[in-house]
Each structure stands twice: as structure tokens, then as C-alpha cells.
PDB file of all heavy atoms in Angstrom:
ATOM      1  N   ILE A   1       0.828  -1.210  -0.002  1.00  0.00           N
ATOM      2  CA  ILE A   1       0.002   0.020   0.000  1.00  0.00           C
ATOM      3  C   ILE A   1       0.841   1.270  -0.005  1.00  0.00           C
ATOM      4  O   ILE A   1       0.584   2.254  -0.745  1.00  0.00           O
ATOM      5  CB  ILE A   1      -0.959  -0.035   1.210  1.00  0.00           C
ATOM      6  CG1 ILE A   1      -2.004  -1.128   1.034  1.00  0.00           C
ATOM      7  CG2 ILE A   1      -1.672   1.376   1.364  1.00  0.00           C
ATOM      8  CD1 ILE A   1      -2.793  -1.055  -0.235  1.00  0.00           C
ATOM      9  N   ASN A   2       1.957   1.218   0.771  1.00  0.00           N
ATOM     10  CA  ASN A   2       2.797   2.424   0.811  1.00  0.00           C
ATOM     11  C   ASN A   2       3.392   2.783  -0.491  1.00  0.00           C
ATOM     12  O   ASN A   2       3.567   3.989  -0.842  1.00  0.00           O
ATOM     13  CB  ASN A   2       3.940   2.189   1.838  1.00  0.00           C
ATOM     14  CG  ASN A   2       3.461   2.316   3.266  1.00  0.00           C
ATOM     15  OD1 ASN A   2       2.407   2.964   3.583  1.00  0.00           O
ATOM     16  ND2 ASN A   2       4.150   1.744   4.200  1.00  0.00           N
ATOM     17  N   LYS A   3       3.743   1.781  -1.303  1.00  0.00           N
ATOM     18  CA  LYS A   3       4.270   2.057  -2.630  1.00  0.00           C
ATOM     19  C   LYS A   3       3.259   2.714  -3.592  1.00  0.00           C
ATOM     20  O   LYS A   3       3.578   3.371  -4.533  1.00  0.00           O
ATOM     21  CB  LYS A   3       4.821   0.774  -3.291  1.00  0.00           C
ATOM     22  CG  LYS A   3       6.104   0.280  -2.599  1.00  0.00           C
ATOM     23  CD  LYS A   3       6.821  -0.811  -3.407  1.00  0.00           C
ATOM     24  CE  LYS A   3       7.649  -0.291  -4.525  1.00  0.00           C
ATOM     25  NZ  LYS A   3       8.476  -1.275  -5.166  1.00  0.00           N
ATOM     26  N   LEU A   4       1.992   2.443  -3.287  1.00  0.00           N
ATOM     27  CA  LEU A   4       0.880   2.893  -4.139  1.00  0.00           C
ATOM     28  C   LEU A   4       0.127   4.114  -3.571  1.00  0.00           C
ATOM     29  O   LEU A   4      -0.881   4.535  -4.184  1.00  0.00           O
ATOM     30  CB  LEU A   4      -0.096   1.772  -4.465  1.00  0.00           C
ATOM     31  CG  LEU A   4       0.510   0.615  -5.294  1.00  0.00           C
ATOM     32  CD1 LEU A   4      -0.541  -0.409  -5.555  1.00  0.00           C
ATOM     33  CD2 LEU A   4       1.094   1.093  -6.608  1.00  0.00           C
ATOM     34  N   LEU A   5       0.557   4.607  -2.385  1.00  0.00           N
ATOM     35  CA  LEU A   5      -0.183   5.736  -1.798  1.00  0.00           C
ATOM     36  C   LEU A   5      -0.350   6.952  -2.738  1.00  0.00           C
ATOM     37  O   LEU A   5      -1.394   7.572  -2.738  1.00  0.00           O
ATOM     38  CB  LEU A   5       0.567   6.207  -0.573  1.00  0.00           C
ATOM     39  CG  LEU A   5       0.348   5.368   0.753  1.00  0.00           C
ATOM     40  CD1 LEU A   5       1.209   5.913   1.861  1.00  0.00           C
ATOM     41  CD2 LEU A   5      -1.113   5.345   1.115  1.00  0.00           C
ATOM     42  N   PRO A   6       0.692   7.234  -3.602  1.00  0.00           N
ATOM     43  CA  PRO A   6       0.412   8.360  -4.538  1.00  0.00           C
ATOM     44  C   PRO A   6      -0.696   8.129  -5.499  1.00  0.00           C
ATOM     45  O   PRO A   6      -1.351   9.080  -5.914  1.00  0.00           O
ATOM     46  CB  PRO A   6       1.776   8.445  -5.276  1.00  0.00           C
ATOM     47  CG  PRO A   6       2.763   7.873  -4.383  1.00  0.00           C
ATOM     48  CD  PRO A   6       2.023   6.775  -3.671  1.00  0.00           C
ATOM     49  N   VAL A   7      -0.992   6.874  -5.858  1.00  0.00           N
ATOM     50  CA  VAL A   7      -2.147   6.575  -6.701  1.00  0.00           C
ATOM     51  C   VAL A   7      -3.431   6.905  -6.044  1.00  0.00           C
ATOM     52  O   VAL A   7      -4.256   7.604  -6.615  1.00  0.00           O
ATOM     53  CB  VAL A   7      -2.132   5.012  -7.095  1.00  0.00           C
ATOM     54  CG1 VAL A   7      -3.407   4.733  -7.879  1.00  0.00           C
ATOM     55  CG2 VAL A   7      -0.919   4.642  -7.850  1.00  0.00           C
ATOM     56  N   TYR A   8      -3.536   6.573  -4.758  1.00  0.00           N
ATOM     57  CA  TYR A   8      -4.742   6.890  -3.985  1.00  0.00           C
ATOM     58  C   TYR A   8      -4.871   8.375  -3.748  1.00  0.00           C
ATOM     59  O   TYR A   8      -6.015   8.897  -3.754  1.00  0.00           O
ATOM     60  CB  TYR A   8      -4.811   6.070  -2.720  1.00  0.00           C
ATOM     61  CG  TYR A   8      -4.449   4.591  -2.893  1.00  0.00           C
ATOM     62  CD1 TYR A   8      -3.456   3.928  -2.098  1.00  0.00           C
ATOM     63  CD2 TYR A   8      -4.945   3.900  -3.921  1.00  0.00           C
ATOM     64  CE1 TYR A   8      -3.141   2.695  -2.263  1.00  0.00           C
ATOM     65  CE2 TYR A   8      -4.637   2.539  -4.115  1.00  0.00           C
ATOM     66  CZ  TYR A   8      -3.748   1.958  -3.365  1.00  0.00           C
ATOM     67  OH  TYR A   8      -3.341   0.611  -3.527  1.00  0.00           O
ATOM     68  N   GLU A   9      -3.777   9.005  -3.567  1.00  0.00           N
ATOM     69  CA  GLU A   9      -3.817  10.499  -3.372  1.00  0.00           C
ATOM     70  C   GLU A   9      -4.292  11.163  -4.677  1.00  0.00           C
ATOM     71  O   GLU A   9      -5.062  12.156  -4.589  1.00  0.00           O
ATOM     72  CB  GLU A   9      -2.365  10.993  -3.002  1.00  0.00           C
ATOM     73  CG  GLU A   9      -2.341  12.472  -2.710  1.00  0.00           C
ATOM     74  CD  GLU A   9      -3.173  12.930  -1.567  1.00  0.00           C
ATOM     75  OE1 GLU A   9      -3.340  12.064  -0.617  1.00  0.00           O
ATOM     76  OE2 GLU A   9      -3.687  14.044  -1.566  1.00  0.00           O
ATOM     77  N   GLY A  10      -3.828  10.645  -5.809  1.00  0.00           N
ATOM     78  CA  GLY A  10      -4.334  11.152  -7.086  1.00  0.00           C
ATOM     79  C   GLY A  10      -5.837  10.925  -7.244  1.00  0.00           C
ATOM     80  O   GLY A  10      -6.525  11.895  -7.753  1.00  0.00           O
ATOM     81  N   ILE A  11      -6.387   9.783  -6.811  1.00  0.00           N
ATOM     82  CA  ILE A  11      -7.797   9.614  -6.889  1.00  0.00           C
ATOM     83  C   ILE A  11      -8.552  10.577  -6.007  1.00  0.00           C
ATOM     84  O   ILE A  11      -9.558  11.186  -6.404  1.00  0.00           O
ATOM     85  CB  ILE A  11      -8.182   8.160  -6.470  1.00  0.00           C
ATOM     86  CG1 ILE A  11      -7.569   7.161  -7.494  1.00  0.00           C
ATOM     87  CG2 ILE A  11      -9.676   7.963  -6.335  1.00  0.00           C
ATOM     88  CD1 ILE A  11      -7.728   5.681  -7.098  1.00  0.00           C
ATOM     89  N   LYS A  12      -8.018  10.859  -4.864  1.00  0.00           N
ATOM     90  CA  LYS A  12      -8.730  11.783  -3.958  1.00  0.00           C
ATOM     91  C   LYS A  12      -8.698  13.182  -4.598  1.00  0.00           C
ATOM     92  O   LYS A  12      -9.693  13.929  -4.481  1.00  0.00           O
ATOM     93  CB  LYS A  12      -7.912  11.878  -2.601  1.00  0.00           C
ATOM     94  CG  LYS A  12      -8.086  10.693  -1.730  1.00  0.00           C
ATOM     95  CD  LYS A  12      -7.214  10.811  -0.460  1.00  0.00           C
ATOM     96  CE  LYS A  12      -7.270   9.601   0.404  1.00  0.00           C
ATOM     97  NZ  LYS A  12      -6.356   9.699   1.586  1.00  0.00           N
ATOM     98  N   LYS A  13      -7.609  13.603  -5.243  1.00  0.00           N
ATOM     99  CA  LYS A  13      -7.556  14.923  -5.933  1.00  0.00           C
ATOM    100  C   LYS A  13      -8.563  15.039  -7.017  1.00  0.00           C
ATOM    101  O   LYS A  13      -9.203  16.022  -7.201  1.00  0.00           O
ATOM    102  CB  LYS A  13      -6.148  15.166  -6.402  1.00  0.00           C
ATOM    103  CG  LYS A  13      -5.125  15.504  -5.296  1.00  0.00           C
ATOM    104  CD  LYS A  13      -3.763  15.656  -5.859  1.00  0.00           C
ATOM    105  CE  LYS A  13      -2.713  16.008  -4.765  1.00  0.00           C
ATOM    106  NZ  LYS A  13      -2.958  17.339  -4.231  1.00  0.00           N
ATOM    107  N   VAL A  14      -8.703  13.913  -7.789  1.00  0.00           N
ATOM    108  CA  VAL A  14      -9.673  13.889  -8.883  1.00  0.00           C
ATOM    109  C   VAL A  14     -11.081  13.991  -8.325  1.00  0.00           C
ATOM    110  O   VAL A  14     -11.926  14.755  -8.813  1.00  0.00           O
ATOM    111  CB  VAL A  14      -9.498  12.673  -9.731  1.00  0.00           C
ATOM    112  CG1 VAL A  14     -10.663  12.519 -10.715  1.00  0.00           C
ATOM    113  CG2 VAL A  14      -8.217  12.675 -10.510  1.00  0.00           C
ATOM    114  N   LYS A  15     -11.349  13.224  -7.239  1.00  0.00           N
ATOM    115  CA  LYS A  15     -12.636  13.185  -6.652  1.00  0.00           C
ATOM    116  C   LYS A  15     -13.115  14.565  -6.164  1.00  0.00           C
ATOM    117  O   LYS A  15     -14.248  14.975  -6.317  1.00  0.00           O
ATOM    118  CB  LYS A  15     -12.665  12.218  -5.455  1.00  0.00           C
ATOM    119  CG  LYS A  15     -14.086  11.987  -4.822  1.00  0.00           C
ATOM    120  CD  LYS A  15     -14.923  11.179  -5.815  1.00  0.00           C
ATOM    121  CE  LYS A  15     -16.233  10.822  -5.131  1.00  0.00           C
ATOM    122  NZ  LYS A  15     -17.118  10.081  -6.078  1.00  0.00           N
ATOM    123  N   ASN A  16     -12.157  15.301  -5.647  1.00  0.00           N
ATOM    124  CA  ASN A  16     -12.414  16.685  -5.134  1.00  0.00           C
ATOM    125  C   ASN A  16     -12.822  17.668  -6.302  1.00  0.00           C
ATOM    126  O   ASN A  16     -13.441  18.708  -6.026  1.00  0.00           O
ATOM    127  CB  ASN A  16     -11.259  17.252  -4.443  1.00  0.00           C
ATOM    128  CG  ASN A  16     -11.033  16.602  -3.051  1.00  0.00           C
ATOM    129  OD1 ASN A  16     -11.971  16.055  -2.471  1.00  0.00           O
ATOM    130  ND2 ASN A  16      -9.780  16.623  -2.585  1.00  0.00           N
ATOM    131  N   GLU A  17     -12.530  17.309  -7.526  1.00  0.00           N
ATOM    132  CA  GLU A  17     -12.784  18.237  -8.688  1.00  0.00           C
ATOM    133  C   GLU A  17     -13.826  17.740  -9.622  1.00  0.00           C
ATOM    134  O   GLU A  17     -14.060  18.329 -10.654  1.00  0.00           O
ATOM    135  CB  GLU A  17     -11.478  18.540  -9.376  1.00  0.00           C
ATOM    136  CG  GLU A  17     -10.460  19.219  -8.474  1.00  0.00           C
ATOM    137  CD  GLU A  17      -9.504  20.111  -9.226  1.00  0.00           C
ATOM    138  OE1 GLU A  17      -9.792  20.435 -10.435  1.00  0.00           O
ATOM    139  OE2 GLU A  17      -8.422  20.437  -8.699  1.00  0.00           O
ATOM    140  N   THR A  18     -14.387  16.534  -9.319  1.00  0.00           N
ATOM    141  CA  THR A  18     -15.464  16.016 -10.202  1.00  0.00           C
ATOM    142  C   THR A  18     -16.802  16.209  -9.583  1.00  0.00           C
ATOM    143  O   THR A  18     -16.915  16.231  -8.334  1.00  0.00           O
ATOM    144  CB  THR A  18     -15.242  14.547 -10.581  1.00  0.00           C
ATOM    145  OG1 THR A  18     -15.057  13.762  -9.330  1.00  0.00           O
ATOM    146  CG2 THR A  18     -14.039  14.369 -11.451  1.00  0.00           C
ATOM    147  N   LYS A  19     -17.841  16.286 -10.425  1.00  0.00           N
ATOM    148  CA  LYS A  19     -19.209  16.588  -9.891  1.00  0.00           C
ATOM    149  C   LYS A  19     -20.070  15.395 -10.172  1.00  0.00           C
ATOM    150  O   LYS A  19     -20.292  14.491  -9.339  1.00  0.00           O
ATOM    151  CB  LYS A  19     -19.771  17.836 -10.494  1.00  0.00           C
ATOM    152  CG  LYS A  19     -18.915  19.094 -10.096  1.00  0.00           C
ATOM    153  CD  LYS A  19     -19.409  20.355 -10.796  1.00  0.00           C
ATOM    154  CE  LYS A  19     -18.580  21.515 -10.424  1.00  0.00           C
ATOM    155  NZ  LYS A  19     -19.017  22.766 -11.137  1.00  0.00           N
ATOM    156  N   ASP A  20     -20.650  15.344 -11.392  1.00  0.00           N
ATOM    157  CA  ASP A  20     -21.615  14.317 -11.740  1.00  0.00           C
ATOM    158  C   ASP A  20     -20.958  13.072 -12.367  1.00  0.00           C
ATOM    159  O   ASP A  20     -21.635  12.028 -12.480  1.00  0.00           O
ATOM    160  CB  ASP A  20     -22.627  14.837 -12.664  1.00  0.00           C
ATOM    161  CG  ASP A  20     -23.441  16.017 -12.056  1.00  0.00           C
ATOM    162  OD1 ASP A  20     -23.663  15.958 -10.823  1.00  0.00           O
ATOM    163  OD2 ASP A  20     -23.791  16.973 -12.758  1.00  0.00           O
ATOM    164  N   GLU A  21     -19.740  13.225 -12.820  1.00  0.00           N
ATOM    165  CA  GLU A  21     -19.060  12.059 -13.520  1.00  0.00           C
ATOM    166  C   GLU A  21     -18.806  10.930 -12.477  1.00  0.00           C
ATOM    167  O   GLU A  21     -18.419  11.171 -11.380  1.00  0.00           O
ATOM    168  CB  GLU A  21     -17.776  12.438 -14.127  1.00  0.00           C
ATOM    169  CG  GLU A  21     -17.869  13.652 -15.118  1.00  0.00           C
ATOM    170  CD  GLU A  21     -17.677  15.021 -14.417  1.00  0.00           C
ATOM    171  OE1 GLU A  21     -17.382  15.028 -13.224  1.00  0.00           O
ATOM    172  OE2 GLU A  21     -17.877  16.026 -15.089  1.00  0.00           O
ATOM    173  N   ALA A  22     -18.928   9.703 -13.004  1.00  0.00           N
ATOM    174  CA  ALA A  22     -18.482   8.530 -12.241  1.00  0.00           C
ATOM    175  C   ALA A  22     -16.970   8.580 -12.214  1.00  0.00           C
ATOM    176  O   ALA A  22     -16.315   9.070 -13.165  1.00  0.00           O
ATOM    177  CB  ALA A  22     -18.936   7.248 -12.923  1.00  0.00           C
ATOM    178  N   LEU A  23     -16.358   8.067 -11.165  1.00  0.00           N
ATOM    179  CA  LEU A  23     -14.895   7.953 -11.081  1.00  0.00           C
ATOM    180  C   LEU A  23     -14.539   6.476 -11.067  1.00  0.00           C
ATOM    181  O   LEU A  23     -14.765   5.724 -10.141  1.00  0.00           O
ATOM    182  CB  LEU A  23     -14.362   8.682  -9.826  1.00  0.00           C
ATOM    183  CG  LEU A  23     -12.856   8.616  -9.451  1.00  0.00           C
ATOM    184  CD1 LEU A  23     -11.985   8.890 -10.760  1.00  0.00           C
ATOM    185  CD2 LEU A  23     -12.507   9.505  -8.343  1.00  0.00           C
ATOM    186  N   ILE A  24     -13.878   6.048 -12.162  1.00  0.00           N
ATOM    187  CA  ILE A  24     -13.600   4.650 -12.366  1.00  0.00           C
ATOM    188  C   ILE A  24     -12.146   4.343 -11.889  1.00  0.00           C
ATOM    189  O   ILE A  24     -11.227   4.948 -12.368  1.00  0.00           O
ATOM    190  CB  ILE A  24     -13.767   4.250 -13.786  1.00  0.00           C
ATOM    191  CG1 ILE A  24     -15.230   4.495 -14.248  1.00  0.00           C
ATOM    192  CG2 ILE A  24     -13.424   2.738 -13.982  1.00  0.00           C
ATOM    193  CD1 ILE A  24     -15.457   4.283 -15.803  1.00  0.00           C
ATOM    194  N   GLY A  25     -12.025   3.450 -10.967  1.00  0.00           N
ATOM    195  CA  GLY A  25     -10.738   2.871 -10.610  1.00  0.00           C
ATOM    196  C   GLY A  25     -10.633   1.536 -11.352  1.00  0.00           C
ATOM    197  O   GLY A  25     -11.605   0.976 -11.874  1.00  0.00           O
ATOM    198  N   PHE A  26      -9.382   0.992 -11.450  1.00  0.00           N
ATOM    199  CA  PHE A  26      -9.274  -0.256 -12.237  1.00  0.00           C
ATOM    200  C   PHE A  26      -8.097  -1.128 -11.755  1.00  0.00           C
ATOM    201  O   PHE A  26      -7.199  -0.583 -11.046  1.00  0.00           O
ATOM    202  CB  PHE A  26      -9.172   0.026 -13.722  1.00  0.00           C
ATOM    203  CG  PHE A  26      -7.907   0.723 -14.148  1.00  0.00           C
ATOM    204  CD1 PHE A  26      -6.771   0.003 -14.505  1.00  0.00           C
ATOM    205  CD2 PHE A  26      -7.807   2.121 -14.170  1.00  0.00           C
ATOM    206  CE1 PHE A  26      -5.630   0.653 -14.899  1.00  0.00           C
ATOM    207  CE2 PHE A  26      -6.685   2.783 -14.566  1.00  0.00           C
ATOM    208  CZ  PHE A  26      -5.576   2.058 -14.957  1.00  0.00           C
TER     209      PHE A  26
END
């Protein structure tokens, strides 16, 4: 998880700026 923390931080940043769009992880 520690090696991938920046990935999750990126998702959080995107989430903060999206409104009606779905946010797809994969």
C-alpha cells in the first residue's frame, strides 16, 4: 500500500474536482 499511496492520493484529488461524473478505478 505504501508504494501505491500516490495513486490513491491522485484519486482523492480527482474526486475533489469532479461533480456528476463517475470515477472509475481499475
